[in-house]
Amino acid sequence: MEQQGFDYEAPEQQSASATPTGHERRYGITDLGAARKYGYHLGGAPIPQQQPRESKRYERALAGTGKPRGSSGEFDDGCTGEAHKELEAGIDMEAVDLPQWYKRDSFQRSMRDSRVTTAFREWSGCMAGKGHRFSSPLDPPGSRKVMGRKVTAYERSVAVADIECKGRTGLVVTWRDVESALQKATVTSRAKELEKARTETAKLVRRADKILASEDG
Protein backbone atom coordinates (compact mmCIF):
# COMPACT_ATOMS: atom_id res chain seq x y z
CA MET A 1 0.00 0.00 0.00
CA GLU A 2 2.90 2.33 0.79
CA GLN A 3 4.29 1.78 -2.71
CA GLN A 4 0.98 3.01 -4.08
CA GLY A 5 0.97 6.06 -1.85
CA PHE A 6 -1.40 4.94 0.90
CA ASP A 7 -1.13 4.43 4.63
CA TYR A 8 -2.79 1.24 5.79
CA GLU A 9 -3.92 0.41 9.31
CA ALA A 10 -5.18 -3.08 10.06
CA PRO A 11 -8.69 -3.17 11.59
CA GLU A 12 -8.67 -3.20 15.37
CA GLN A 13 -8.97 -6.72 16.74
CA GLN A 14 -11.84 -7.48 19.09
CA SER A 15 -10.99 -9.05 22.43
CA ALA A 16 -11.33 -12.83 22.60
CA SER A 17 -13.99 -12.56 25.30
CA ALA A 18 -16.20 -10.39 23.09
CA THR A 19 -15.78 -12.44 19.94
CA PRO A 20 -17.83 -15.64 19.59
CA THR A 21 -15.86 -18.63 18.32
CA GLY A 22 -18.87 -20.49 16.93
CA HIS A 23 -18.35 -23.49 19.22
CA GLU A 24 -20.56 -22.22 22.01
CA ARG A 25 -23.53 -22.12 19.60
CA ARG A 26 -22.68 -25.13 17.52
CA TYR A 27 -25.93 -26.83 18.53
CA GLY A 28 -27.89 -23.61 18.93
CA ILE A 29 -28.24 -21.50 22.04
CA THR A 30 -27.81 -23.15 25.44
CA ASP A 31 -27.37 -20.28 27.92
CA LEU A 32 -30.74 -19.75 29.59
CA GLY A 33 -29.70 -16.54 31.36
CA ALA A 34 -28.50 -14.97 28.10
CA ALA A 35 -31.65 -16.15 26.29
CA ARG A 36 -33.89 -14.45 28.85
CA LYS A 37 -32.04 -11.20 28.28
CA TYR A 38 -30.87 -11.25 24.68
CA GLY A 39 -32.93 -13.95 22.92
CA TYR A 40 -30.85 -15.22 20.02
CA HIS A 41 -28.72 -12.09 19.86
CA LEU A 42 -25.15 -12.12 21.12
CA GLY A 43 -25.13 -10.45 24.50
CA GLY A 44 -22.17 -8.19 25.15
CA ALA A 45 -20.95 -8.31 21.54
CA PRO A 46 -19.54 -4.97 20.42
CA ILE A 47 -21.65 -2.95 18.00
CA PRO A 48 -19.84 -2.80 14.64
CA GLN A 49 -18.51 0.68 14.05
CA GLN A 50 -19.10 2.37 10.74
CA GLN A 51 -15.85 2.26 8.83
CA PRO A 52 -14.71 5.45 7.14
CA ARG A 53 -15.47 5.47 3.43
CA GLU A 54 -12.21 5.23 1.54
CA SER A 55 -11.54 6.56 -1.92
CA LYS A 56 -12.02 4.36 -4.97
CA ARG A 57 -8.26 4.50 -5.58
CA TYR A 58 -7.61 3.23 -2.06
CA GLU A 59 -10.13 0.41 -2.38
CA ARG A 60 -8.70 -0.62 -5.74
CA ALA A 61 -5.16 -0.62 -4.33
CA LEU A 62 -6.29 -2.72 -1.37
CA ALA A 63 -8.59 -5.26 -3.06
CA GLY A 64 -7.88 -4.88 -6.78
CA THR A 65 -10.50 -5.13 -9.50
CA GLY A 66 -11.10 -8.89 -9.24
CA LYS A 67 -10.62 -9.11 -13.01
CA PRO A 68 -7.98 -11.03 -14.98
CA ARG A 69 -4.72 -9.14 -15.32
CA GLY A 70 -3.50 -9.09 -18.92
CA SER A 71 -2.72 -12.44 -20.52
CA SER A 72 -1.21 -13.96 -17.38
CA GLY A 73 -4.52 -15.45 -16.28
CA GLU A 74 -3.96 -14.08 -12.78
CA PHE A 75 -6.65 -12.01 -11.14
CA ASP A 76 -6.05 -8.51 -9.87
CA ASP A 77 -6.59 -8.90 -6.12
CA GLY A 78 -4.66 -5.80 -5.16
CA CYS A 79 -2.36 -5.60 -2.16
CA THR A 80 -4.52 -8.10 -0.28
CA GLY A 81 -3.83 -10.67 -2.97
CA GLU A 82 -0.12 -9.88 -2.93
CA ALA A 83 -0.04 -10.35 0.83
CA HIS A 84 -1.71 -13.75 0.50
CA LYS A 85 0.82 -14.79 -2.14
CA GLU A 86 3.72 -13.83 0.11
CA LEU A 87 2.21 -15.57 3.11
CA GLU A 88 1.07 -18.75 1.38
CA ALA A 89 3.86 -19.34 -1.15
CA GLY A 90 5.00 -22.97 -1.05
CA ILE A 91 2.41 -23.91 1.58
CA ASP A 92 -0.34 -26.44 0.88
CA MET A 93 -3.38 -24.34 1.77
CA GLU A 94 -5.74 -27.20 0.98
CA ALA A 95 -4.06 -29.15 3.77
CA VAL A 96 -4.33 -26.14 6.09
CA ASP A 97 -8.06 -25.87 5.40
CA LEU A 98 -8.74 -29.60 5.72
CA PRO A 99 -9.61 -29.66 9.47
CA GLN A 100 -12.26 -27.00 8.88
CA TRP A 101 -13.69 -29.09 6.06
CA TYR A 102 -13.83 -32.15 8.34
CA LYS A 103 -15.50 -30.02 11.00
CA ARG A 104 -18.24 -28.94 8.60
CA ASP A 105 -18.61 -32.48 7.29
CA SER A 106 -19.07 -34.00 10.75
CA PHE A 107 -21.72 -31.41 11.55
CA GLN A 108 -23.68 -32.13 8.38
CA ARG A 109 -23.41 -35.89 8.83
CA SER A 110 -24.46 -35.69 12.47
CA MET A 111 -27.76 -34.10 11.44
CA ARG A 112 -28.54 -37.14 9.29
CA ASP A 113 -27.95 -39.60 12.13
CA SER A 114 -31.17 -41.27 13.28
CA ARG A 115 -30.46 -40.46 16.93
CA VAL A 116 -30.20 -36.77 16.13
CA THR A 117 -33.22 -36.69 13.82
CA THR A 118 -35.23 -38.40 16.55
CA ALA A 119 -34.05 -35.77 19.06
CA PHE A 120 -35.02 -33.05 16.57
CA ARG A 121 -38.55 -34.45 16.34
CA GLU A 122 -38.83 -34.62 20.12
CA TRP A 123 -37.53 -31.06 20.44
CA SER A 124 -39.95 -29.89 17.72
CA GLY A 125 -42.85 -31.54 19.54
CA CYS A 126 -41.84 -29.87 22.79
CA MET A 127 -41.66 -26.48 21.05
CA ALA A 128 -45.08 -27.02 19.48
CA GLY A 129 -46.46 -27.66 22.95
CA LYS A 130 -45.22 -24.19 23.89
CA GLY A 131 -46.84 -22.62 20.81
CA HIS A 132 -43.75 -22.47 18.56
CA ARG A 133 -43.52 -24.53 15.37
CA PHE A 134 -40.00 -25.29 14.16
CA SER A 135 -38.47 -28.46 12.74
CA SER A 136 -34.89 -27.82 13.82
CA PRO A 137 -33.18 -25.84 16.59
CA LEU A 138 -31.25 -24.09 13.83
CA ASP A 139 -34.47 -22.61 12.41
CA PRO A 140 -35.57 -19.95 14.94
CA PRO A 141 -32.62 -17.55 14.45
CA GLY A 142 -33.31 -17.59 10.71
CA SER A 143 -36.94 -16.61 11.14
CA ARG A 144 -37.69 -12.93 10.54
CA LYS A 145 -40.63 -13.26 12.89
CA VAL A 146 -38.27 -14.34 15.68
CA MET A 147 -35.06 -12.42 15.18
CA GLY A 148 -34.83 -8.87 13.92
CA ARG A 149 -32.42 -6.03 14.48
CA LYS A 150 -33.62 -5.54 18.05
CA VAL A 151 -34.43 -8.06 20.76
CA THR A 152 -38.17 -8.47 21.35
CA ALA A 153 -40.21 -10.16 24.06
CA TYR A 154 -41.34 -12.74 21.49
CA GLU A 155 -37.76 -13.56 20.54
CA ARG A 156 -36.85 -14.03 24.18
CA SER A 157 -39.84 -16.32 24.75
CA VAL A 158 -38.88 -18.52 21.78
CA ALA A 159 -35.23 -18.63 22.89
CA VAL A 160 -36.16 -19.65 26.43
CA ALA A 161 -38.55 -22.34 25.14
CA ASP A 162 -35.81 -23.56 22.78
CA ILE A 163 -33.35 -24.12 25.62
CA GLU A 164 -35.95 -25.65 27.91
CA CYS A 165 -36.92 -28.12 25.20
CA LYS A 166 -33.28 -28.95 24.54
CA GLY A 167 -32.94 -29.81 28.21
CA ARG A 168 -36.14 -31.82 28.31
CA THR A 169 -35.24 -33.91 25.26
CA GLY A 170 -31.48 -34.18 25.85
CA LEU A 171 -30.92 -32.93 22.32
CA VAL A 172 -27.58 -31.20 22.86
CA VAL A 173 -26.02 -34.17 24.65
CA THR A 174 -27.23 -36.59 21.96
CA TRP A 175 -26.08 -34.36 19.12
CA ARG A 176 -22.70 -33.67 20.72
CA ASP A 177 -22.05 -37.37 21.37
CA VAL A 178 -22.97 -38.34 17.82
CA GLU A 179 -20.77 -35.69 16.25
CA SER A 180 -17.92 -36.40 18.66
CA ALA A 181 -17.94 -40.06 17.59
CA LEU A 182 -17.85 -39.03 13.93
CA GLN A 183 -14.93 -36.69 14.55
CA LYS A 184 -12.97 -39.30 16.49
CA ALA A 185 -13.45 -41.76 13.63
CA THR A 186 -12.16 -39.13 11.20
CA VAL A 187 -9.11 -38.42 13.36
CA THR A 188 -8.28 -42.14 13.25
CA SER A 189 -9.01 -42.77 9.58
CA ARG A 190 -7.46 -39.51 8.33
CA ALA A 191 -4.47 -39.35 10.66
CA LYS A 192 -1.98 -38.92 7.82
CA GLU A 193 -3.92 -36.07 6.23
CA LEU A 194 -4.38 -34.34 9.58
CA GLU A 195 -0.68 -34.63 10.39
CA LYS A 196 0.08 -32.89 7.09
CA ALA A 197 -2.47 -30.20 8.01
CA ARG A 198 -0.63 -29.69 11.31
CA THR A 199 2.73 -29.42 9.54
CA GLU A 200 1.50 -26.98 6.89
CA THR A 201 -0.30 -24.83 9.48
CA ALA A 202 2.86 -24.61 11.57
CA LYS A 203 4.75 -23.45 8.45
CA LEU A 204 2.08 -20.82 7.80
CA VAL A 205 2.30 -19.48 11.36
CA ARG A 206 6.11 -19.33 11.20
CA ARG A 207 5.90 -17.46 7.90
CA ALA A 208 3.42 -14.96 9.35
CA ASP A 209 5.64 -14.40 12.40
CA LYS A 210 8.64 -13.79 10.16
CA ILE A 211 6.74 -11.29 7.99
CA LEU A 212 5.45 -9.40 11.00
CA ALA A 213 8.88 -9.35 12.63
CA SER A 214 10.44 -7.91 9.46
CA GLU A 215 7.79 -5.18 9.32
CA ASP A 216 8.28 -4.29 12.98
CA GLY A 217 11.99 -4.10 12.42
C-alpha atoms as a PDB file:
ATOM      1  CA  MET A   1       0.000   0.000   0.000  1.00  0.00           C
ATOM      2  CA  GLU A   2       2.898   2.328   0.789  1.00  0.00           C
ATOM      3  CA  GLN A   3       4.292   1.779  -2.707  1.00  0.00           C
ATOM      4  CA  GLN A   4       0.978   3.013  -4.080  1.00  0.00           C
ATOM      5  CA  GLY A   5       0.966   6.058  -1.850  1.00  0.00           C
ATOM      6  CA  PHE A   6      -1.395   4.940   0.898  1.00  0.00           C
ATOM      7  CA  ASP A   7      -1.132   4.435   4.627  1.00  0.00           C
ATOM      8  CA  TYR A   8      -2.788   1.241   5.788  1.00  0.00           C
ATOM      9  CA  GLU A   9      -3.917   0.409   9.308  1.00  0.00           C
ATOM     10  CA  ALA A  10      -5.181  -3.084  10.055  1.00  0.00           C
ATOM     11  CA  PRO A  11      -8.689  -3.171  11.587  1.00  0.00           C
ATOM     12  CA  GLU A  12      -8.668  -3.198  15.369  1.00  0.00           C
ATOM     13  CA  GLN A  13      -8.968  -6.716  16.745  1.00  0.00           C
ATOM     14  CA  GLN A  14     -11.842  -7.484  19.092  1.00  0.00           C
ATOM     15  CA  SER A  15     -10.987  -9.054  22.433  1.00  0.00           C
ATOM     16  CA  ALA A  16     -11.328 -12.829  22.597  1.00  0.00           C
ATOM     17  CA  SER A  17     -13.987 -12.559  25.304  1.00  0.00           C
ATOM     18  CA  ALA A  18     -16.201 -10.392  23.090  1.00  0.00           C
ATOM     19  CA  THR A  19     -15.781 -12.435  19.941  1.00  0.00           C
ATOM     20  CA  PRO A  20     -17.829 -15.637  19.590  1.00  0.00           C
ATOM     21  CA  THR A  21     -15.859 -18.626  18.321  1.00  0.00           C
ATOM     22  CA  GLY A  22     -18.870 -20.490  16.931  1.00  0.00           C
ATOM     23  CA  HIS A  23     -18.345 -23.488  19.222  1.00  0.00           C
ATOM     24  CA  GLU A  24     -20.560 -22.216  22.006  1.00  0.00           C
ATOM     25  CA  ARG A  25     -23.535 -22.121  19.600  1.00  0.00           C
ATOM     26  CA  ARG A  26     -22.677 -25.135  17.518  1.00  0.00           C
ATOM     27  CA  TYR A  27     -25.931 -26.827  18.534  1.00  0.00           C
ATOM     28  CA  GLY A  28     -27.890 -23.614  18.928  1.00  0.00           C
ATOM     29  CA  ILE A  29     -28.239 -21.499  22.038  1.00  0.00           C
ATOM     30  CA  THR A  30     -27.809 -23.154  25.440  1.00  0.00           C
ATOM     31  CA  ASP A  31     -27.367 -20.277  27.921  1.00  0.00           C
ATOM     32  CA  LEU A  32     -30.744 -19.746  29.593  1.00  0.00           C
ATOM     33  CA  GLY A  33     -29.705 -16.543  31.356  1.00  0.00           C
ATOM     34  CA  ALA A  34     -28.504 -14.974  28.102  1.00  0.00           C
ATOM     35  CA  ALA A  35     -31.652 -16.152  26.290  1.00  0.00           C
ATOM     36  CA  ARG A  36     -33.886 -14.448  28.854  1.00  0.00           C
ATOM     37  CA  LYS A  37     -32.040 -11.195  28.281  1.00  0.00           C
ATOM     38  CA  TYR A  38     -30.868 -11.248  24.678  1.00  0.00           C
ATOM     39  CA  GLY A  39     -32.930 -13.951  22.925  1.00  0.00           C
ATOM     40  CA  TYR A  40     -30.849 -15.224  20.024  1.00  0.00           C
ATOM     41  CA  HIS A  41     -28.720 -12.095  19.862  1.00  0.00           C
ATOM     42  CA  LEU A  42     -25.146 -12.116  21.121  1.00  0.00           C
ATOM     43  CA  GLY A  43     -25.134 -10.453  24.496  1.00  0.00           C
ATOM     44  CA  GLY A  44     -22.170  -8.187  25.149  1.00  0.00           C
ATOM     45  CA  ALA A  45     -20.948  -8.312  21.542  1.00  0.00           C
ATOM     46  CA  PRO A  46     -19.538  -4.967  20.424  1.00  0.00           C
ATOM     47  CA  ILE A  47     -21.649  -2.946  17.999  1.00  0.00           C
ATOM     48  CA  PRO A  48     -19.843  -2.803  14.643  1.00  0.00           C
ATOM     49  CA  GLN A  49     -18.514   0.682  14.051  1.00  0.00           C
ATOM     50  CA  GLN A  50     -19.104   2.375  10.742  1.00  0.00           C
ATOM     51  CA  GLN A  51     -15.849   2.258   8.829  1.00  0.00           C
ATOM     52  CA  PRO A  52     -14.714   5.454   7.138  1.00  0.00           C
ATOM     53  CA  ARG A  53     -15.469   5.473   3.432  1.00  0.00           C
ATOM     54  CA  GLU A  54     -12.214   5.234   1.543  1.00  0.00           C
ATOM     55  CA  SER A  55     -11.535   6.564  -1.918  1.00  0.00           C
ATOM     56  CA  LYS A  56     -12.020   4.361  -4.973  1.00  0.00           C
ATOM     57  CA  ARG A  57      -8.263   4.497  -5.580  1.00  0.00           C
ATOM     58  CA  TYR A  58      -7.610   3.231  -2.055  1.00  0.00           C
ATOM     59  CA  GLU A  59     -10.133   0.407  -2.380  1.00  0.00           C
ATOM     60  CA  ARG A  60      -8.695  -0.618  -5.739  1.00  0.00           C
ATOM     61  CA  ALA A  61      -5.156  -0.624  -4.328  1.00  0.00           C
ATOM     62  CA  LEU A  62      -6.285  -2.723  -1.374  1.00  0.00           C
ATOM     63  CA  ALA A  63      -8.588  -5.256  -3.064  1.00  0.00           C
ATOM     64  CA  GLY A  64      -7.879  -4.885  -6.777  1.00  0.00           C
ATOM     65  CA  THR A  65     -10.504  -5.133  -9.496  1.00  0.00           C
ATOM     66  CA  GLY A  66     -11.101  -8.885  -9.243  1.00  0.00           C
ATOM     67  CA  LYS A  67     -10.615  -9.109 -13.005  1.00  0.00           C
ATOM     68  CA  PRO A  68      -7.976 -11.026 -14.983  1.00  0.00           C
ATOM     69  CA  ARG A  69      -4.722  -9.138 -15.322  1.00  0.00           C
ATOM     70  CA  GLY A  70      -3.496  -9.086 -18.921  1.00  0.00           C
ATOM     71  CA  SER A  71      -2.724 -12.437 -20.521  1.00  0.00           C
ATOM     72  CA  SER A  72      -1.214 -13.961 -17.385  1.00  0.00           C
ATOM     73  CA  GLY A  73      -4.516 -15.452 -16.276  1.00  0.00           C
ATOM     74  CA  GLU A  74      -3.958 -14.082 -12.785  1.00  0.00           C
ATOM     75  CA  PHE A  75      -6.652 -12.012 -11.143  1.00  0.00           C
ATOM     76  CA  ASP A  76      -6.050  -8.505  -9.871  1.00  0.00           C
ATOM     77  CA  ASP A  77      -6.592  -8.898  -6.117  1.00  0.00           C
ATOM     78  CA  GLY A  78      -4.660  -5.796  -5.158  1.00  0.00           C
ATOM     79  CA  CYS A  79      -2.357  -5.604  -2.156  1.00  0.00           C
ATOM     80  CA  THR A  80      -4.518  -8.097  -0.276  1.00  0.00           C
ATOM     81  CA  GLY A  81      -3.833 -10.673  -2.969  1.00  0.00           C
ATOM     82  CA  GLU A  82      -0.121  -9.881  -2.933  1.00  0.00           C
ATOM     83  CA  ALA A  83      -0.041 -10.349   0.835  1.00  0.00           C
ATOM     84  CA  HIS A  84      -1.714 -13.752   0.502  1.00  0.00           C
ATOM     85  CA  LYS A  85       0.818 -14.787  -2.139  1.00  0.00           C
ATOM     86  CA  GLU A  86       3.717 -13.833   0.106  1.00  0.00           C
ATOM     87  CA  LEU A  87       2.209 -15.571   3.115  1.00  0.00           C
ATOM     88  CA  GLU A  88       1.066 -18.750   1.383  1.00  0.00           C
ATOM     89  CA  ALA A  89       3.862 -19.344  -1.153  1.00  0.00           C
ATOM     90  CA  GLY A  90       5.002 -22.969  -1.051  1.00  0.00           C
ATOM     91  CA  ILE A  91       2.406 -23.910   1.579  1.00  0.00           C
ATOM     92  CA  ASP A  92      -0.336 -26.440   0.882  1.00  0.00           C
ATOM     93  CA  MET A  93      -3.379 -24.337   1.770  1.00  0.00           C
ATOM     94  CA  GLU A  94      -5.737 -27.200   0.977  1.00  0.00           C
ATOM     95  CA  ALA A  95      -4.059 -29.149   3.771  1.00  0.00           C
ATOM     96  CA  VAL A  96      -4.326 -26.138   6.094  1.00  0.00           C
ATOM     97  CA  ASP A  97      -8.058 -25.870   5.398  1.00  0.00           C
ATOM     98  CA  LEU A  98      -8.735 -29.602   5.720  1.00  0.00           C
ATOM     99  CA  PRO A  99      -9.608 -29.663   9.471  1.00  0.00           C
ATOM    100  CA  GLN A 100     -12.258 -27.000   8.878  1.00  0.00           C
ATOM    101  CA  TRP A 101     -13.690 -29.092   6.060  1.00  0.00           C
ATOM    102  CA  TYR A 102     -13.826 -32.146   8.341  1.00  0.00           C
ATOM    103  CA  LYS A 103     -15.497 -30.023  10.999  1.00  0.00           C
ATOM    104  CA  ARG A 104     -18.239 -28.938   8.595  1.00  0.00           C
ATOM    105  CA  ASP A 105     -18.611 -32.476   7.291  1.00  0.00           C
ATOM    106  CA  SER A 106     -19.069 -33.997  10.747  1.00  0.00           C
ATOM    107  CA  PHE A 107     -21.720 -31.410  11.553  1.00  0.00           C
ATOM    108  CA  GLN A 108     -23.682 -32.134   8.383  1.00  0.00           C
ATOM    109  CA  ARG A 109     -23.406 -35.894   8.828  1.00  0.00           C
ATOM    110  CA  SER A 110     -24.458 -35.693  12.472  1.00  0.00           C
ATOM    111  CA  MET A 111     -27.757 -34.098  11.437  1.00  0.00           C
ATOM    112  CA  ARG A 112     -28.541 -37.138   9.286  1.00  0.00           C
ATOM    113  CA  ASP A 113     -27.949 -39.597  12.131  1.00  0.00           C
ATOM    114  CA  SER A 114     -31.166 -41.273  13.280  1.00  0.00           C
ATOM    115  CA  ARG A 115     -30.461 -40.463  16.935  1.00  0.00           C
ATOM    116  CA  VAL A 116     -30.196 -36.770  16.128  1.00  0.00           C
ATOM    117  CA  THR A 117     -33.216 -36.690  13.817  1.00  0.00           C
ATOM    118  CA  THR A 118     -35.233 -38.396  16.555  1.00  0.00           C
ATOM    119  CA  ALA A 119     -34.048 -35.775  19.057  1.00  0.00           C
ATOM    120  CA  PHE A 120     -35.019 -33.046  16.574  1.00  0.00           C
ATOM    121  CA  ARG A 121     -38.548 -34.451  16.335  1.00  0.00           C
ATOM    122  CA  GLU A 122     -38.834 -34.615  20.121  1.00  0.00           C
ATOM    123  CA  TRP A 123     -37.534 -31.055  20.441  1.00  0.00           C
ATOM    124  CA  SER A 124     -39.955 -29.886  17.719  1.00  0.00           C
ATOM    125  CA  GLY A 125     -42.850 -31.538  19.542  1.00  0.00           C
ATOM    126  CA  CYS A 126     -41.837 -29.867  22.789  1.00  0.00           C
ATOM    127  CA  MET A 127     -41.659 -26.485  21.049  1.00  0.00           C
ATOM    128  CA  ALA A 128     -45.080 -27.017  19.476  1.00  0.00           C
ATOM    129  CA  GLY A 129     -46.457 -27.661  22.952  1.00  0.00           C
ATOM    130  CA  LYS A 130     -45.218 -24.187  23.888  1.00  0.00           C
ATOM    131  CA  GLY A 131     -46.838 -22.621  20.811  1.00  0.00           C
ATOM    132  CA  HIS A 132     -43.753 -22.472  18.561  1.00  0.00           C
ATOM    133  CA  ARG A 133     -43.517 -24.527  15.375  1.00  0.00           C
ATOM    134  CA  PHE A 134     -39.995 -25.287  14.156  1.00  0.00           C
ATOM    135  CA  SER A 135     -38.475 -28.456  12.737  1.00  0.00           C
ATOM    136  CA  SER A 136     -34.894 -27.824  13.821  1.00  0.00           C
ATOM    137  CA  PRO A 137     -33.184 -25.845  16.588  1.00  0.00           C
ATOM    138  CA  LEU A 138     -31.245 -24.090  13.826  1.00  0.00           C
ATOM    139  CA  ASP A 139     -34.472 -22.612  12.413  1.00  0.00           C
ATOM    140  CA  PRO A 140     -35.569 -19.948  14.940  1.00  0.00           C
ATOM    141  CA  PRO A 141     -32.617 -17.555  14.449  1.00  0.00           C
ATOM    142  CA  GLY A 142     -33.313 -17.589  10.710  1.00  0.00           C
ATOM    143  CA  SER A 143     -36.944 -16.611  11.144  1.00  0.00           C
ATOM    144  CA  ARG A 144     -37.693 -12.932  10.539  1.00  0.00           C
ATOM    145  CA  LYS A 145     -40.625 -13.264  12.889  1.00  0.00           C
ATOM    146  CA  VAL A 146     -38.273 -14.339  15.683  1.00  0.00           C
ATOM    147  CA  MET A 147     -35.062 -12.422  15.182  1.00  0.00           C
ATOM    148  CA  GLY A 148     -34.833  -8.866  13.916  1.00  0.00           C
ATOM    149  CA  ARG A 149     -32.422  -6.031  14.481  1.00  0.00           C
ATOM    150  CA  LYS A 150     -33.616  -5.538  18.049  1.00  0.00           C
ATOM    151  CA  VAL A 151     -34.427  -8.065  20.761  1.00  0.00           C
ATOM    152  CA  THR A 152     -38.168  -8.474  21.346  1.00  0.00           C
ATOM    153  CA  ALA A 153     -40.209 -10.159  24.059  1.00  0.00           C
ATOM    154  CA  TYR A 154     -41.339 -12.737  21.493  1.00  0.00           C
ATOM    155  CA  GLU A 155     -37.758 -13.557  20.543  1.00  0.00           C
ATOM    156  CA  ARG A 156     -36.848 -14.031  24.185  1.00  0.00           C
ATOM    157  CA  SER A 157     -39.839 -16.320  24.750  1.00  0.00           C
ATOM    158  CA  VAL A 158     -38.880 -18.519  21.780  1.00  0.00           C
ATOM    159  CA  ALA A 159     -35.233 -18.629  22.890  1.00  0.00           C
ATOM    160  CA  VAL A 160     -36.160 -19.651  26.435  1.00  0.00           C
ATOM    161  CA  ALA A 161     -38.549 -22.338  25.139  1.00  0.00           C
ATOM    162  CA  ASP A 162     -35.807 -23.559  22.777  1.00  0.00           C
ATOM    163  CA  ILE A 163     -33.348 -24.123  25.624  1.00  0.00           C
ATOM    164  CA  GLU A 164     -35.950 -25.650  27.915  1.00  0.00           C
ATOM    165  CA  CYS A 165     -36.918 -28.120  25.199  1.00  0.00           C
ATOM    166  CA  LYS A 166     -33.275 -28.953  24.543  1.00  0.00           C
ATOM    167  CA  GLY A 167     -32.944 -29.811  28.211  1.00  0.00           C
ATOM    168  CA  ARG A 168     -36.136 -31.821  28.313  1.00  0.00           C
ATOM    169  CA  THR A 169     -35.242 -33.912  25.257  1.00  0.00           C
ATOM    170  CA  GLY A 170     -31.476 -34.184  25.851  1.00  0.00           C
ATOM    171  CA  LEU A 171     -30.924 -32.932  22.316  1.00  0.00           C
ATOM    172  CA  VAL A 172     -27.582 -31.201  22.858  1.00  0.00           C
ATOM    173  CA  VAL A 173     -26.016 -34.170  24.651  1.00  0.00           C
ATOM    174  CA  THR A 174     -27.233 -36.591  21.959  1.00  0.00           C
ATOM    175  CA  TRP A 175     -26.077 -34.358  19.123  1.00  0.00           C
ATOM    176  CA  ARG A 176     -22.698 -33.671  20.718  1.00  0.00           C
ATOM    177  CA  ASP A 177     -22.055 -37.367  21.373  1.00  0.00           C
ATOM    178  CA  VAL A 178     -22.966 -38.343  17.825  1.00  0.00           C
ATOM    179  CA  GLU A 179     -20.768 -35.693  16.250  1.00  0.00           C
ATOM    180  CA  SER A 180     -17.922 -36.397  18.661  1.00  0.00           C
ATOM    181  CA  ALA A 181     -17.938 -40.063  17.591  1.00  0.00           C
ATOM    182  CA  LEU A 182     -17.853 -39.034  13.932  1.00  0.00           C
ATOM    183  CA  GLN A 183     -14.933 -36.686  14.548  1.00  0.00           C
ATOM    184  CA  LYS A 184     -12.969 -39.295  16.495  1.00  0.00           C
ATOM    185  CA  ALA A 185     -13.447 -41.760  13.632  1.00  0.00           C
ATOM    186  CA  THR A 186     -12.159 -39.134  11.200  1.00  0.00           C
ATOM    187  CA  VAL A 187      -9.108 -38.421  13.362  1.00  0.00           C
ATOM    188  CA  THR A 188      -8.280 -42.142  13.253  1.00  0.00           C
ATOM    189  CA  SER A 189      -9.012 -42.773   9.583  1.00  0.00           C
ATOM    190  CA  ARG A 190      -7.460 -39.510   8.335  1.00  0.00           C
ATOM    191  CA  ALA A 191      -4.465 -39.349  10.664  1.00  0.00           C
ATOM    192  CA  LYS A 192      -1.979 -38.920   7.817  1.00  0.00           C
ATOM    193  CA  GLU A 193      -3.920 -36.066   6.231  1.00  0.00           C
ATOM    194  CA  LEU A 194      -4.377 -34.339   9.585  1.00  0.00           C
ATOM    195  CA  GLU A 195      -0.677 -34.625  10.388  1.00  0.00           C
ATOM    196  CA  LYS A 196       0.076 -32.885   7.090  1.00  0.00           C
ATOM    197  CA  ALA A 197      -2.472 -30.201   8.015  1.00  0.00           C
ATOM    198  CA  ARG A 198      -0.628 -29.690  11.310  1.00  0.00           C
ATOM    199  CA  THR A 199       2.733 -29.416   9.543  1.00  0.00           C
ATOM    200  CA  GLU A 200       1.501 -26.977   6.893  1.00  0.00           C
ATOM    201  CA  THR A 201      -0.302 -24.831   9.482  1.00  0.00           C
ATOM    202  CA  ALA A 202       2.862 -24.605  11.571  1.00  0.00           C
ATOM    203  CA  LYS A 203       4.747 -23.450   8.453  1.00  0.00           C
ATOM    204  CA  LEU A 204       2.081 -20.825   7.802  1.00  0.00           C
ATOM    205  CA  VAL A 205       2.304 -19.480  11.357  1.00  0.00           C
ATOM    206  CA  ARG A 206       6.115 -19.330  11.198  1.00  0.00           C
ATOM    207  CA  ARG A 207       5.896 -17.460   7.901  1.00  0.00           C
ATOM    208  CA  ALA A 208       3.425 -14.962   9.352  1.00  0.00           C
ATOM    209  CA  ASP A 209       5.638 -14.405  12.401  1.00  0.00           C
ATOM    210  CA  LYS A 210       8.638 -13.791  10.161  1.00  0.00           C
ATOM    211  CA  ILE A 211       6.744 -11.292   7.991  1.00  0.00           C
ATOM    212  CA  LEU A 212       5.448  -9.397  11.004  1.00  0.00           C
ATOM    213  CA  ALA A 213       8.877  -9.350  12.627  1.00  0.00           C
ATOM    214  CA  SER A 214      10.445  -7.906   9.455  1.00  0.00           C
ATOM    215  CA  GLU A 215       7.786  -5.182   9.319  1.00  0.00           C
ATOM    216  CA  ASP A 216       8.282  -4.295  12.981  1.00  0.00           C
ATOM    217  CA  GLY A 217      11.992  -4.098  12.422  1.00  0.00           C
END
